[in-house]
């Protein structure tokens, strides 16, 4: 007696003809049917863009904690000492504002240069060097302000108010040095013709944030010292 052998059922993925035409793994991949990954990549922000916002949020939370501690400490103490802020702080503010202006000019010049809109004998990193120089002058000005206070007998441990002054200004200066490191990195990548637009934008956002943060700190110091 003859017997009929049936093939076992195939258990697997059923793909529609549209998915089979993609050639990129069907539904497993987000690549479009024509295989062009650039279309899919445009829908996700670059890592540098996401990362810089995380960094700025963390810095904001840190200085918000400093502000809260300052307000609480001043309100609960009878030994809070008021002293005149060094006048060089206002000149330092001008330097930092100018550095933001020059960096914005640099960003636009470099973006045009990278986009192919080049001019003869153009030096796109010139404004980056100017920003770097102004940033270094700002940090040097902060050091001069600390020296002026120490000459008046106001040190880190002299009073709670002086402690907050040194901590706030030093913490901001350290973050400015980090921004200067980012500008140096941008200049190096630009000279190597390996600079990415997202890197330039992230560095610019960080530097502008340092500018806004310093204005906030200066107002905070002016109202509480």
N, C-alpha and C. Protein backbone atom coordinates (compact mmCIF):
# COMPACT_ATOMS: atom_id res chain seq x y z
N UNK A 1 0.84 -1.19 0.00
CA UNK A 1 0.00 0.00 0.00
C UNK A 1 0.89 1.25 0.00
N UNK A 2 0.70 2.08 -0.97
CA UNK A 2 1.55 3.28 -1.11
C UNK A 2 1.14 4.34 -0.10
N UNK A 3 2.13 5.02 0.43
CA UNK A 3 1.87 6.09 1.41
C UNK A 3 2.36 7.41 0.86
N UNK A 4 1.73 8.43 1.25
CA UNK A 4 2.07 9.79 0.79
C UNK A 4 2.77 10.54 1.91
N UNK A 5 3.94 11.09 1.60
CA UNK A 5 4.72 11.83 2.58
C UNK A 5 4.53 13.31 2.32
N UNK A 6 4.04 13.98 3.30
CA UNK A 6 3.81 15.42 3.18
C UNK A 6 4.99 16.19 3.75
N UNK A 7 5.32 17.26 3.12
CA UNK A 7 6.39 18.11 3.64
C UNK A 7 5.94 18.80 4.92
N UNK A 8 6.86 18.90 5.89
CA UNK A 8 6.47 19.58 7.15
C UNK A 8 6.22 21.05 6.87
N UNK A 9 5.33 21.62 7.63
CA UNK A 9 5.02 23.05 7.43
C UNK A 9 6.26 23.90 7.72
N UNK A 10 6.46 24.93 6.92
CA UNK A 10 7.57 25.86 7.09
C UNK A 10 7.18 26.94 8.09
N UNK A 11 7.93 26.98 9.16
CA UNK A 11 7.69 28.00 10.19
C UNK A 11 8.75 29.07 10.02
N UNK A 12 8.35 30.22 9.68
CA UNK A 12 9.33 31.28 9.45
C UNK A 12 8.62 32.60 9.25
N UNK A 13 9.35 33.53 8.69
CA UNK A 13 8.83 34.87 8.49
C UNK A 13 8.16 34.96 7.14
N UNK A 14 7.02 35.56 7.11
CA UNK A 14 6.34 35.85 5.87
C UNK A 14 6.53 37.31 5.55
N UNK A 15 7.09 37.55 4.41
CA UNK A 15 7.38 38.91 4.02
C UNK A 15 6.57 39.26 2.79
N UNK A 16 6.09 40.44 2.83
CA UNK A 16 5.33 40.92 1.68
C UNK A 16 6.27 41.20 0.54
N UNK A 17 5.78 41.23 -0.67
CA UNK A 17 6.65 41.55 -1.82
C UNK A 17 7.34 42.88 -1.67
N UNK A 18 6.66 43.86 -0.99
CA UNK A 18 7.29 45.16 -0.83
C UNK A 18 8.51 45.08 0.05
N UNK A 19 8.43 44.22 1.13
CA UNK A 19 9.55 44.09 2.03
C UNK A 19 10.70 43.32 1.38
N UNK A 20 10.39 42.36 0.54
CA UNK A 20 11.44 41.60 -0.11
C UNK A 20 12.22 42.46 -1.09
N UNK A 21 11.61 43.46 -1.61
CA UNK A 21 12.28 44.29 -2.58
C UNK A 21 13.31 45.21 -1.96
N UNK A 22 13.29 45.36 -0.63
CA UNK A 22 14.19 46.33 -0.01
C UNK A 22 15.63 45.89 -0.07
N UNK A 23 15.86 44.53 0.05
CA UNK A 23 17.23 44.06 0.01
C UNK A 23 18.03 44.46 1.23
N UNK A 24 17.37 44.90 2.30
CA UNK A 24 18.07 45.36 3.49
C UNK A 24 17.54 44.68 4.74
N UNK A 25 17.09 43.44 4.62
CA UNK A 25 16.62 42.73 5.80
C UNK A 25 15.13 42.86 6.04
N UNK A 26 14.37 43.35 5.07
CA UNK A 26 12.93 43.45 5.22
C UNK A 26 12.55 44.34 6.38
N UNK A 27 11.66 43.86 7.23
CA UNK A 27 11.15 44.65 8.34
C UNK A 27 12.19 44.83 9.44
N UNK A 28 13.30 44.10 9.36
CA UNK A 28 14.32 44.22 10.39
C UNK A 28 15.09 45.53 10.29
N UNK A 29 15.01 46.22 9.19
CA UNK A 29 15.83 47.38 8.95
C UNK A 29 14.97 48.60 8.68
N UNK A 30 15.45 49.77 9.05
CA UNK A 30 14.74 50.99 8.78
C UNK A 30 15.17 51.63 7.48
N UNK A 31 16.04 50.98 6.74
CA UNK A 31 16.51 51.55 5.48
C UNK A 31 15.38 51.58 4.48
N UNK A 32 15.27 52.60 3.67
CA UNK A 32 14.23 52.68 2.66
C UNK A 32 14.44 51.64 1.57
N UNK A 33 13.42 51.48 0.75
CA UNK A 33 13.44 50.44 -0.27
C UNK A 33 14.57 50.61 -1.26
N UNK A 34 14.99 51.83 -1.53
CA UNK A 34 16.05 52.06 -2.50
C UNK A 34 17.44 51.87 -1.91
N UNK A 35 17.52 51.51 -0.60
CA UNK A 35 18.80 51.23 0.00
C UNK A 35 19.58 52.45 0.43
N UNK A 36 19.00 53.62 0.34
CA UNK A 36 19.69 54.85 0.70
C UNK A 36 19.52 55.11 2.19
N UNK A 37 20.58 54.88 2.97
CA UNK A 37 20.51 55.04 4.42
C UNK A 37 20.43 56.48 4.86
N UNK A 38 20.81 57.43 4.01
CA UNK A 38 20.81 58.82 4.41
C UNK A 38 19.42 59.31 4.75
N UNK A 39 18.40 58.79 4.08
CA UNK A 39 17.03 59.20 4.35
C UNK A 39 16.62 58.80 5.76
N UNK A 40 16.97 57.58 6.17
CA UNK A 40 16.61 57.12 7.50
C UNK A 40 17.40 57.83 8.58
N UNK A 41 18.66 58.15 8.28
CA UNK A 41 19.50 58.79 9.28
C UNK A 41 19.06 60.20 9.60
N UNK A 42 18.37 60.86 8.69
CA UNK A 42 17.95 62.22 8.92
C UNK A 42 16.90 62.34 10.03
N UNK A 43 16.26 61.24 10.38
CA UNK A 43 15.20 61.29 11.38
C UNK A 43 15.73 61.17 12.79
N UNK A 44 17.01 60.86 12.99
CA UNK A 44 17.58 60.75 14.33
C UNK A 44 18.64 61.82 14.52
N UNK A 45 18.62 62.52 15.67
CA UNK A 45 19.62 63.57 15.89
C UNK A 45 20.99 62.97 16.07
N UNK A 46 22.05 63.68 15.68
CA UNK A 46 23.41 63.16 15.87
C UNK A 46 23.75 63.04 17.34
N UNK A 47 24.70 62.17 17.63
CA UNK A 47 25.07 61.92 19.03
C UNK A 47 25.62 63.17 19.70
N UNK A 48 26.38 63.99 18.95
CA UNK A 48 26.95 65.19 19.54
C UNK A 48 25.86 66.19 19.93
N UNK A 49 24.78 66.24 19.15
CA UNK A 49 23.69 67.16 19.46
C UNK A 49 22.97 66.74 20.73
N UNK A 50 22.71 65.45 20.87
CA UNK A 50 22.06 64.95 22.08
C UNK A 50 22.98 65.07 23.29
N UNK A 51 24.25 64.74 23.10
CA UNK A 51 25.20 64.77 24.20
C UNK A 51 25.40 66.15 24.78
N UNK A 52 25.43 67.17 23.93
CA UNK A 52 25.69 68.53 24.44
C UNK A 52 24.53 69.01 25.29
N UNK A 53 23.29 68.62 24.94
CA UNK A 53 22.15 69.03 25.76
C UNK A 53 22.19 68.33 27.12
N UNK A 54 22.65 67.08 27.14
CA UNK A 54 22.79 66.38 28.42
C UNK A 54 23.83 67.07 29.29
N UNK A 55 24.96 67.47 28.69
CA UNK A 55 26.01 68.16 29.43
C UNK A 55 25.51 69.50 29.97
N UNK A 56 24.82 70.27 29.14
CA UNK A 56 24.32 71.56 29.59
C UNK A 56 23.29 71.41 30.70
N UNK A 57 22.47 70.38 30.62
CA UNK A 57 21.49 70.14 31.69
C UNK A 57 22.19 69.80 32.99
N UNK A 58 23.25 68.98 32.93
CA UNK A 58 23.98 68.61 34.14
C UNK A 58 24.66 69.84 34.76
N UNK A 59 25.23 70.71 33.92
CA UNK A 59 25.87 71.92 34.44
C UNK A 59 24.83 72.84 35.07
N UNK A 60 23.66 72.93 34.44
CA UNK A 60 22.59 73.77 34.99
C UNK A 60 22.16 73.27 36.37
N UNK A 61 22.02 71.97 36.52
CA UNK A 61 21.62 71.41 37.80
C UNK A 61 22.70 71.66 38.86
N UNK A 62 23.97 71.59 38.48
CA UNK A 62 25.04 71.81 39.45
C UNK A 62 25.03 73.24 39.96
N UNK A 63 24.91 74.21 39.05
CA UNK A 63 24.91 75.60 39.50
C UNK A 63 23.59 75.98 40.18
N UNK A 64 22.52 75.29 39.85
CA UNK A 64 21.28 75.50 40.58
C UNK A 64 21.43 75.03 42.03
N UNK A 65 22.16 73.94 42.23
CA UNK A 65 22.43 73.47 43.59
C UNK A 65 23.30 74.47 44.35
N UNK A 66 24.31 75.03 43.65
CA UNK A 66 25.14 76.06 44.28
C UNK A 66 24.31 77.28 44.69
N UNK A 67 23.40 77.67 43.81
CA UNK A 67 22.55 78.83 44.10
C UNK A 67 21.67 78.57 45.31
N UNK A 68 21.07 77.39 45.35
CA UNK A 68 20.22 77.05 46.49
C UNK A 68 21.02 77.04 47.80
N UNK A 69 22.22 76.49 47.76
CA UNK A 69 23.06 76.45 48.96
C UNK A 69 23.44 77.86 49.40
N UNK A 70 23.73 78.74 48.44
CA UNK A 70 24.08 80.12 48.77
C UNK A 70 22.93 80.84 49.46
N UNK A 71 21.74 80.70 48.89
CA UNK A 71 20.58 81.40 49.46
C UNK A 71 20.27 80.89 50.87
N UNK A 72 20.34 79.58 51.05
CA UNK A 72 20.05 79.01 52.37
C UNK A 72 21.11 79.42 53.39
N UNK A 73 22.39 79.36 52.96
CA UNK A 73 23.47 79.70 53.89
C UNK A 73 23.42 81.17 54.29
N UNK A 74 23.15 82.04 53.35
CA UNK A 74 23.07 83.46 53.67
C UNK A 74 21.88 83.76 54.58
N UNK A 75 20.75 83.13 54.35
CA UNK A 75 19.56 83.40 55.14
C UNK A 75 19.63 82.84 56.54
N UNK A 76 20.48 81.83 56.77
CA UNK A 76 20.51 81.19 58.09
C UNK A 76 21.74 81.56 58.90
N UNK A 77 22.53 82.53 58.46
CA UNK A 77 23.75 82.88 59.18
C UNK A 77 23.75 84.36 59.53
N UNK A 78 24.46 84.67 60.60
CA UNK A 78 24.61 86.06 61.04
C UNK A 78 26.01 86.60 60.74
N UNK A 79 26.86 85.76 60.14
CA UNK A 79 28.24 86.16 59.90
C UNK A 79 28.51 86.42 58.41
N UNK A 80 27.44 86.59 57.64
CA UNK A 80 27.62 86.82 56.20
C UNK A 80 28.25 88.19 55.99
N UNK A 81 29.35 88.22 55.29
CA UNK A 81 30.11 89.46 55.10
C UNK A 81 29.95 89.97 53.66
N UNK A 82 29.59 91.22 53.53
CA UNK A 82 29.47 91.83 52.21
C UNK A 82 30.79 92.51 51.84
N UNK A 83 31.16 92.36 50.57
CA UNK A 83 32.37 93.02 50.09
C UNK A 83 32.16 93.42 48.62
N UNK A 84 32.92 94.40 48.21
CA UNK A 84 32.79 94.92 46.84
C UNK A 84 33.41 93.94 45.86
N UNK A 85 32.67 93.67 44.79
CA UNK A 85 33.19 92.78 43.76
C UNK A 85 34.32 93.48 43.01
N UNK A 86 35.35 92.74 42.61
CA UNK A 86 36.44 93.35 41.83
C UNK A 86 35.90 93.93 40.53
N UNK A 87 36.34 95.15 40.23
CA UNK A 87 35.82 95.82 39.03
C UNK A 87 36.20 95.12 37.75
N UNK A 88 37.26 94.31 37.79
CA UNK A 88 37.69 93.64 36.57
C UNK A 88 36.68 92.60 36.11
N UNK A 89 35.78 92.20 36.99
CA UNK A 89 34.75 91.23 36.59
C UNK A 89 33.88 91.77 35.47
N UNK A 90 33.64 93.06 35.46
CA UNK A 90 32.80 93.65 34.42
C UNK A 90 33.54 93.69 33.08
N UNK A 91 34.85 93.92 33.14
CA UNK A 91 35.64 93.84 31.91
C UNK A 91 35.71 92.40 31.40
N UNK A 92 35.80 91.46 32.33
CA UNK A 92 35.79 90.05 31.93
C UNK A 92 34.47 89.68 31.26
N UNK A 93 33.39 90.26 31.74
CA UNK A 93 32.08 90.01 31.12
C UNK A 93 32.08 90.51 29.68
N UNK A 94 32.65 91.66 29.46
CA UNK A 94 32.75 92.20 28.09
C UNK A 94 33.57 91.27 27.20
N UNK A 95 34.67 90.74 27.73
CA UNK A 95 35.50 89.82 26.95
C UNK A 95 34.72 88.57 26.56
N UNK A 96 33.95 88.04 27.50
CA UNK A 96 33.21 86.82 27.22
C UNK A 96 32.09 87.06 26.22
N UNK A 97 31.43 88.21 26.33
CA UNK A 97 30.40 88.56 25.34
C UNK A 97 31.00 88.69 23.95
N UNK A 98 32.15 89.34 23.85
CA UNK A 98 32.81 89.48 22.56
C UNK A 98 33.25 88.13 21.99
N UNK A 99 33.65 87.23 22.88
CA UNK A 99 34.06 85.90 22.41
C UNK A 99 32.89 85.14 21.81
N UNK A 100 31.69 85.33 22.36
CA UNK A 100 30.51 84.70 21.77
C UNK A 100 30.21 85.27 20.39
N UNK A 101 30.42 86.57 20.24
CA UNK A 101 30.21 87.20 18.93
C UNK A 101 31.20 86.65 17.91
N UNK A 102 32.47 86.60 18.29
CA UNK A 102 33.48 86.11 17.35
C UNK A 102 33.28 84.62 17.03
N UNK A 103 32.82 83.85 18.01
CA UNK A 103 32.58 82.43 17.74
C UNK A 103 31.41 82.24 16.79
N UNK A 104 30.39 83.07 16.92
CA UNK A 104 29.26 82.98 16.00
C UNK A 104 29.70 83.34 14.59
N UNK A 105 30.54 84.37 14.47
CA UNK A 105 31.10 84.71 13.15
C UNK A 105 31.91 83.54 12.61
N UNK A 106 32.72 82.92 13.49
CA UNK A 106 33.53 81.78 13.08
C UNK A 106 32.65 80.62 12.62
N UNK A 107 31.58 80.37 13.34
CA UNK A 107 30.69 79.26 12.96
C UNK A 107 30.12 79.47 11.57
N UNK A 108 29.69 80.69 11.26
CA UNK A 108 29.12 80.95 9.95
C UNK A 108 30.16 80.90 8.85
N UNK A 109 31.36 81.42 9.14
CA UNK A 109 32.43 81.38 8.14
C UNK A 109 32.86 79.95 7.85
N UNK A 110 33.02 79.16 8.91
CA UNK A 110 33.44 77.78 8.73
C UNK A 110 32.36 76.97 8.03
N UNK A 111 31.08 77.22 8.39
CA UNK A 111 29.98 76.51 7.73
C UNK A 111 29.94 76.82 6.25
N UNK A 112 30.16 78.08 5.88
CA UNK A 112 30.20 78.45 4.47
C UNK A 112 31.40 77.81 3.79
N UNK A 113 32.52 77.76 4.48
CA UNK A 113 33.72 77.15 3.92
C UNK A 113 33.51 75.67 3.68
N UNK A 114 32.88 74.98 4.64
CA UNK A 114 32.61 73.56 4.49
C UNK A 114 31.56 73.29 3.43
N UNK A 115 30.67 74.27 3.21
CA UNK A 115 29.63 74.10 2.20
C UNK A 115 30.09 74.40 0.79
N UNK A 116 31.34 74.78 0.63
CA UNK A 116 31.87 75.02 -0.70
C UNK A 116 31.88 76.48 -1.12
N UNK A 117 31.36 77.36 -0.26
CA UNK A 117 31.35 78.79 -0.59
C UNK A 117 32.67 79.42 -0.11
N UNK A 118 33.72 79.13 -0.84
CA UNK A 118 35.05 79.56 -0.44
C UNK A 118 35.49 80.78 -1.23
N UNK A 119 36.29 81.60 -0.56
CA UNK A 119 36.84 82.77 -1.19
C UNK A 119 38.35 82.62 -1.27
N UNK A 120 38.94 83.36 -2.16
CA UNK A 120 40.38 83.28 -2.33
C UNK A 120 41.08 83.78 -1.07
N UNK A 121 42.13 83.04 -0.66
CA UNK A 121 42.94 83.41 0.51
C UNK A 121 42.11 83.52 1.78
N UNK A 122 41.02 82.77 1.86
CA UNK A 122 40.18 82.82 3.06
C UNK A 122 40.79 81.97 4.16
N UNK A 123 40.77 82.47 5.36
CA UNK A 123 41.30 81.75 6.52
C UNK A 123 40.15 81.54 7.50
N UNK A 124 39.37 80.45 7.36
CA UNK A 124 38.15 80.30 8.15
C UNK A 124 38.40 80.14 9.64
N UNK A 125 39.60 79.68 10.03
CA UNK A 125 39.85 79.48 11.46
C UNK A 125 40.34 80.73 12.16
N UNK A 126 40.47 81.84 11.45
CA UNK A 126 40.95 83.08 12.06
C UNK A 126 40.07 83.50 13.23
N UNK A 127 38.75 83.45 13.04
CA UNK A 127 37.84 83.88 14.10
C UNK A 127 37.83 82.89 15.26
N UNK A 128 38.15 81.64 14.98
CA UNK A 128 38.27 80.67 16.08
C UNK A 128 39.46 81.01 16.96
N UNK A 129 40.56 81.42 16.34
CA UNK A 129 41.72 81.83 17.13
C UNK A 129 41.42 83.08 17.95
N UNK A 130 40.64 84.00 17.39
CA UNK A 130 40.27 85.20 18.14
C UNK A 130 39.41 84.82 19.35
N UNK A 131 38.47 83.91 19.15
CA UNK A 131 37.64 83.44 20.26
C UNK A 131 38.48 82.77 21.32
N UNK A 132 39.43 81.97 20.89
CA UNK A 132 40.33 81.29 21.83
C UNK A 132 41.13 82.31 22.64
N UNK A 133 41.61 83.34 21.99
CA UNK A 133 42.39 84.37 22.68
C UNK A 133 41.54 85.12 23.70
N UNK A 134 40.31 85.48 23.31
CA UNK A 134 39.42 86.18 24.24
C UNK A 134 39.05 85.30 25.43
N UNK A 135 38.85 84.02 25.18
CA UNK A 135 38.55 83.11 26.28
C UNK A 135 39.70 82.99 27.27
N UNK A 136 40.92 82.95 26.75
CA UNK A 136 42.09 82.90 27.63
C UNK A 136 42.22 84.19 28.43
N UNK A 137 41.91 85.32 27.79
CA UNK A 137 41.94 86.60 28.51
C UNK A 137 40.90 86.61 29.63
N UNK A 138 39.74 86.01 29.38
CA UNK A 138 38.71 85.95 30.42
C UNK A 138 39.20 85.17 31.63
N UNK A 139 39.80 84.00 31.39
CA UNK A 139 40.31 83.19 32.51
C UNK A 139 41.42 83.94 33.24
N UNK A 140 42.30 84.62 32.50
CA UNK A 140 43.35 85.41 33.13
C UNK A 140 42.74 86.55 33.96
N UNK A 141 41.67 87.16 33.46
CA UNK A 141 41.00 88.21 34.21
C UNK A 141 40.38 87.69 35.49
N UNK A 142 39.84 86.47 35.46
CA UNK A 142 39.30 85.88 36.68
C UNK A 142 40.40 85.66 37.71
N UNK A 143 41.57 85.25 37.26
CA UNK A 143 42.69 85.05 38.18
C UNK A 143 43.10 86.39 38.81
N UNK A 144 43.08 87.45 38.00
CA UNK A 144 43.40 88.78 38.53
C UNK A 144 42.38 89.19 39.59
N UNK A 145 41.12 88.87 39.36
CA UNK A 145 40.08 89.19 40.35
C UNK A 145 40.33 88.46 41.66
N UNK A 146 40.74 87.20 41.59
CA UNK A 146 41.06 86.45 42.82
C UNK A 146 42.25 87.08 43.53
N UNK A 147 43.24 87.52 42.76
CA UNK A 147 44.41 88.16 43.37
C UNK A 147 44.04 89.48 44.05
N UNK A 148 43.14 90.22 43.43
CA UNK A 148 42.70 91.48 44.03
C UNK A 148 41.99 91.25 45.35
N UNK A 149 41.16 90.21 45.40
CA UNK A 149 40.46 89.91 46.66
C UNK A 149 41.45 89.45 47.73
N UNK A 150 42.40 88.62 47.35
CA UNK A 150 43.37 88.14 48.34
C UNK A 150 44.22 89.30 48.87
N UNK A 151 44.48 90.30 48.01
CA UNK A 151 45.24 91.47 48.46
C UNK A 151 44.45 92.27 49.50
N UNK A 152 43.12 92.16 49.48
CA UNK A 152 42.27 92.83 50.46
C UNK A 152 42.04 91.98 51.70
N UNK A 153 42.65 90.80 51.75
CA UNK A 153 42.46 89.92 52.89
C UNK A 153 41.23 89.05 52.81
N UNK A 154 40.66 88.92 51.60
CA UNK A 154 39.48 88.08 51.39
C UNK A 154 39.93 86.79 50.70
N UNK A 155 39.92 85.69 51.47
CA UNK A 155 40.38 84.42 50.94
C UNK A 155 39.22 83.42 50.91
N UNK A 156 39.53 82.21 50.50
CA UNK A 156 38.49 81.18 50.37
C UNK A 156 37.81 80.89 51.70
N UNK A 157 38.59 80.81 52.77
CA UNK A 157 38.04 80.45 54.08
C UNK A 157 37.82 81.66 54.99
N UNK A 158 37.87 82.86 54.45
CA UNK A 158 37.68 84.05 55.28
C UNK A 158 36.27 84.15 55.81
N UNK A 159 35.28 83.89 54.95
CA UNK A 159 33.88 84.06 55.30
C UNK A 159 33.05 83.16 54.40
N UNK A 160 31.85 82.76 54.79
CA UNK A 160 31.00 81.99 53.89
C UNK A 160 30.75 82.69 52.55
N UNK A 161 30.64 84.00 52.58
CA UNK A 161 30.40 84.73 51.33
C UNK A 161 31.59 84.61 50.39
N UNK A 162 32.81 84.76 50.93
CA UNK A 162 33.99 84.64 50.08
C UNK A 162 34.17 83.21 49.58
N UNK A 163 33.78 82.24 50.39
CA UNK A 163 33.85 80.84 49.95
C UNK A 163 32.97 80.61 48.73
N UNK A 164 31.75 81.12 48.79
CA UNK A 164 30.85 80.96 47.64
C UNK A 164 31.38 81.70 46.42
N UNK A 165 31.98 82.88 46.63
CA UNK A 165 32.52 83.63 45.49
C UNK A 165 33.60 82.83 44.78
N UNK A 166 34.55 82.31 45.54
CA UNK A 166 35.65 81.56 44.92
C UNK A 166 35.15 80.28 44.26
N UNK A 167 34.24 79.57 44.92
CA UNK A 167 33.75 78.31 44.38
C UNK A 167 32.98 78.54 43.08
N UNK A 168 32.08 79.51 43.07
CA UNK A 168 31.26 79.78 41.87
C UNK A 168 32.12 80.24 40.70
N UNK A 169 33.01 81.19 40.95
CA UNK A 169 33.82 81.71 39.85
C UNK A 169 34.84 80.68 39.37
N UNK A 170 35.39 79.89 40.29
CA UNK A 170 36.35 78.86 39.89
C UNK A 170 35.67 77.75 39.10
N UNK A 171 34.48 77.34 39.53
CA UNK A 171 33.76 76.30 38.81
C UNK A 171 33.42 76.76 37.39
N UNK A 172 33.01 78.01 37.26
CA UNK A 172 32.71 78.53 35.92
C UNK A 172 33.98 78.61 35.08
N UNK A 173 35.09 79.04 35.68
CA UNK A 173 36.35 79.14 34.92
C UNK A 173 36.81 77.77 34.43
N UNK A 174 36.61 76.74 35.24
CA UNK A 174 36.98 75.39 34.81
C UNK A 174 36.14 74.94 33.62
N UNK A 175 34.86 75.28 33.63
CA UNK A 175 34.01 74.92 32.49
C UNK A 175 34.38 75.75 31.26
N UNK A 176 34.82 76.98 31.46
CA UNK A 176 35.30 77.78 30.33
C UNK A 176 36.55 77.14 29.72
N UNK A 177 37.45 76.65 30.57
CA UNK A 177 38.63 75.95 30.07
C UNK A 177 38.24 74.72 29.26
N UNK A 178 37.18 74.03 29.69
CA UNK A 178 36.68 72.92 28.90
C UNK A 178 36.19 73.36 27.54
N UNK A 179 35.52 74.52 27.50
CA UNK A 179 35.08 75.06 26.21
C UNK A 179 36.25 75.45 25.33
N UNK A 180 37.32 75.99 25.93
CA UNK A 180 38.52 76.33 25.16
C UNK A 180 39.15 75.07 24.57
N UNK A 181 39.12 73.99 25.34
CA UNK A 181 39.61 72.72 24.80
C UNK A 181 38.78 72.27 23.60
N UNK A 182 37.46 72.50 23.65
CA UNK A 182 36.62 72.17 22.51
C UNK A 182 36.94 73.01 21.29
N UNK A 183 37.24 74.29 21.50
CA UNK A 183 37.59 75.16 20.37
C UNK A 183 38.92 74.72 19.75
N UNK A 184 39.88 74.34 20.59
CA UNK A 184 41.16 73.83 20.08
C UNK A 184 40.93 72.57 19.25
N UNK A 185 40.04 71.71 19.72
CA UNK A 185 39.72 70.49 18.98
C UNK A 185 39.11 70.82 17.62
N UNK A 186 38.21 71.81 17.60
CA UNK A 186 37.59 72.22 16.34
C UNK A 186 38.64 72.76 15.37
N UNK A 187 39.56 73.58 15.87
CA UNK A 187 40.61 74.13 15.02
C UNK A 187 41.48 73.01 14.44
N UNK A 188 41.83 72.04 15.26
CA UNK A 188 42.67 70.94 14.79
C UNK A 188 41.95 70.12 13.73
N UNK A 189 40.67 69.82 13.96
CA UNK A 189 39.92 69.06 12.97
C UNK A 189 39.73 69.84 11.68
N UNK A 190 39.56 71.16 11.80
CA UNK A 190 39.40 71.99 10.61
C UNK A 190 40.67 71.99 9.78
N UNK A 191 41.82 72.08 10.44
CA UNK A 191 43.09 72.06 9.72
C UNK A 191 43.35 70.70 9.07
N UNK A 192 42.79 69.65 9.65
CA UNK A 192 42.93 68.31 9.09
C UNK A 192 41.86 67.99 8.05
N UNK A 193 40.97 68.96 7.79
CA UNK A 193 39.84 68.77 6.87
C UNK A 193 38.96 67.59 7.29
N UNK A 194 38.82 67.43 8.62
CA UNK A 194 38.00 66.34 9.15
C UNK A 194 36.95 66.84 10.12
N UNK A 195 36.63 68.13 10.07
CA UNK A 195 35.65 68.71 10.99
C UNK A 195 34.24 68.39 10.54
N UNK A 196 33.42 67.95 11.50
CA UNK A 196 32.01 67.70 11.23
C UNK A 196 31.19 68.90 11.68
N UNK A 197 30.16 69.19 10.93
CA UNK A 197 29.32 70.33 11.25
C UNK A 197 28.69 70.20 12.65
N UNK A 198 28.31 68.97 13.03
CA UNK A 198 27.69 68.77 14.34
C UNK A 198 28.66 69.10 15.48
N UNK A 199 29.94 68.82 15.29
CA UNK A 199 30.94 69.15 16.30
C UNK A 199 31.05 70.66 16.47
N UNK A 200 31.06 71.38 15.37
CA UNK A 200 31.13 72.83 15.43
C UNK A 200 29.90 73.42 16.12
N UNK A 201 28.72 72.92 15.80
CA UNK A 201 27.49 73.42 16.40
C UNK A 201 27.46 73.13 17.90
N UNK A 202 27.86 71.92 18.30
CA UNK A 202 27.86 71.57 19.72
C UNK A 202 28.83 72.44 20.51
N UNK A 203 30.01 72.71 19.95
CA UNK A 203 30.98 73.57 20.62
C UNK A 203 30.45 74.99 20.76
N UNK A 204 29.78 75.48 19.73
CA UNK A 204 29.22 76.84 19.77
C UNK A 204 28.13 76.94 20.82
N UNK A 205 27.26 75.95 20.89
CA UNK A 205 26.20 75.97 21.90
C UNK A 205 26.78 75.97 23.30
N UNK A 206 27.80 75.17 23.53
CA UNK A 206 28.42 75.10 24.86
C UNK A 206 29.01 76.46 25.24
N UNK A 207 29.69 77.09 24.30
CA UNK A 207 30.33 78.37 24.61
C UNK A 207 29.31 79.47 24.88
N UNK A 208 28.25 79.51 24.09
CA UNK A 208 27.20 80.50 24.34
C UNK A 208 26.55 80.26 25.70
N UNK A 209 26.43 79.01 26.07
CA UNK A 209 25.86 78.69 27.39
C UNK A 209 26.76 79.20 28.50
N UNK A 210 28.09 79.08 28.32
CA UNK A 210 29.02 79.63 29.32
C UNK A 210 28.84 81.14 29.46
N UNK A 211 28.55 81.79 28.36
CA UNK A 211 28.32 83.24 28.37
C UNK A 211 27.08 83.57 29.20
N UNK A 212 25.97 82.89 28.92
CA UNK A 212 24.73 83.14 29.65
C UNK A 212 24.89 82.78 31.13
N UNK A 213 25.59 81.69 31.40
CA UNK A 213 25.80 81.26 32.78
C UNK A 213 26.60 82.29 33.56
N UNK A 214 27.59 82.89 32.94
CA UNK A 214 28.40 83.88 33.64
C UNK A 214 27.59 85.14 33.97
N UNK A 215 26.75 85.57 33.04
CA UNK A 215 25.91 86.74 33.31
C UNK A 215 24.99 86.45 34.50
N UNK A 216 24.45 85.24 34.55
CA UNK A 216 23.61 84.86 35.68
C UNK A 216 24.40 84.88 36.98
N UNK A 217 25.61 84.32 36.97
CA UNK A 217 26.44 84.30 38.18
C UNK A 217 26.83 85.70 38.62
N UNK A 218 27.14 86.56 37.66
CA UNK A 218 27.52 87.92 38.02
C UNK A 218 26.35 88.65 38.69
N UNK A 219 25.14 88.47 38.17
CA UNK A 219 23.97 89.07 38.81
C UNK A 219 23.73 88.48 40.20
N UNK A 220 23.95 87.17 40.32
CA UNK A 220 23.78 86.51 41.62
C UNK A 220 24.77 87.04 42.64
N UNK A 221 26.02 87.21 42.22
CA UNK A 221 27.04 87.75 43.12
C UNK A 221 26.76 89.20 43.48
N UNK A 222 26.33 89.96 42.50
CA UNK A 222 26.07 91.38 42.73
C UNK A 222 24.92 91.59 43.72
N UNK A 223 23.92 90.72 43.68
CA UNK A 223 22.78 90.87 44.58
C UNK A 223 23.04 90.35 45.98
N UNK A 224 24.05 89.48 46.16
CA UNK A 224 24.26 88.85 47.45
C UNK A 224 25.58 89.21 48.12
N UNK A 225 26.39 90.08 47.49
CA UNK A 225 27.68 90.42 48.08
C UNK A 225 27.84 91.92 48.27
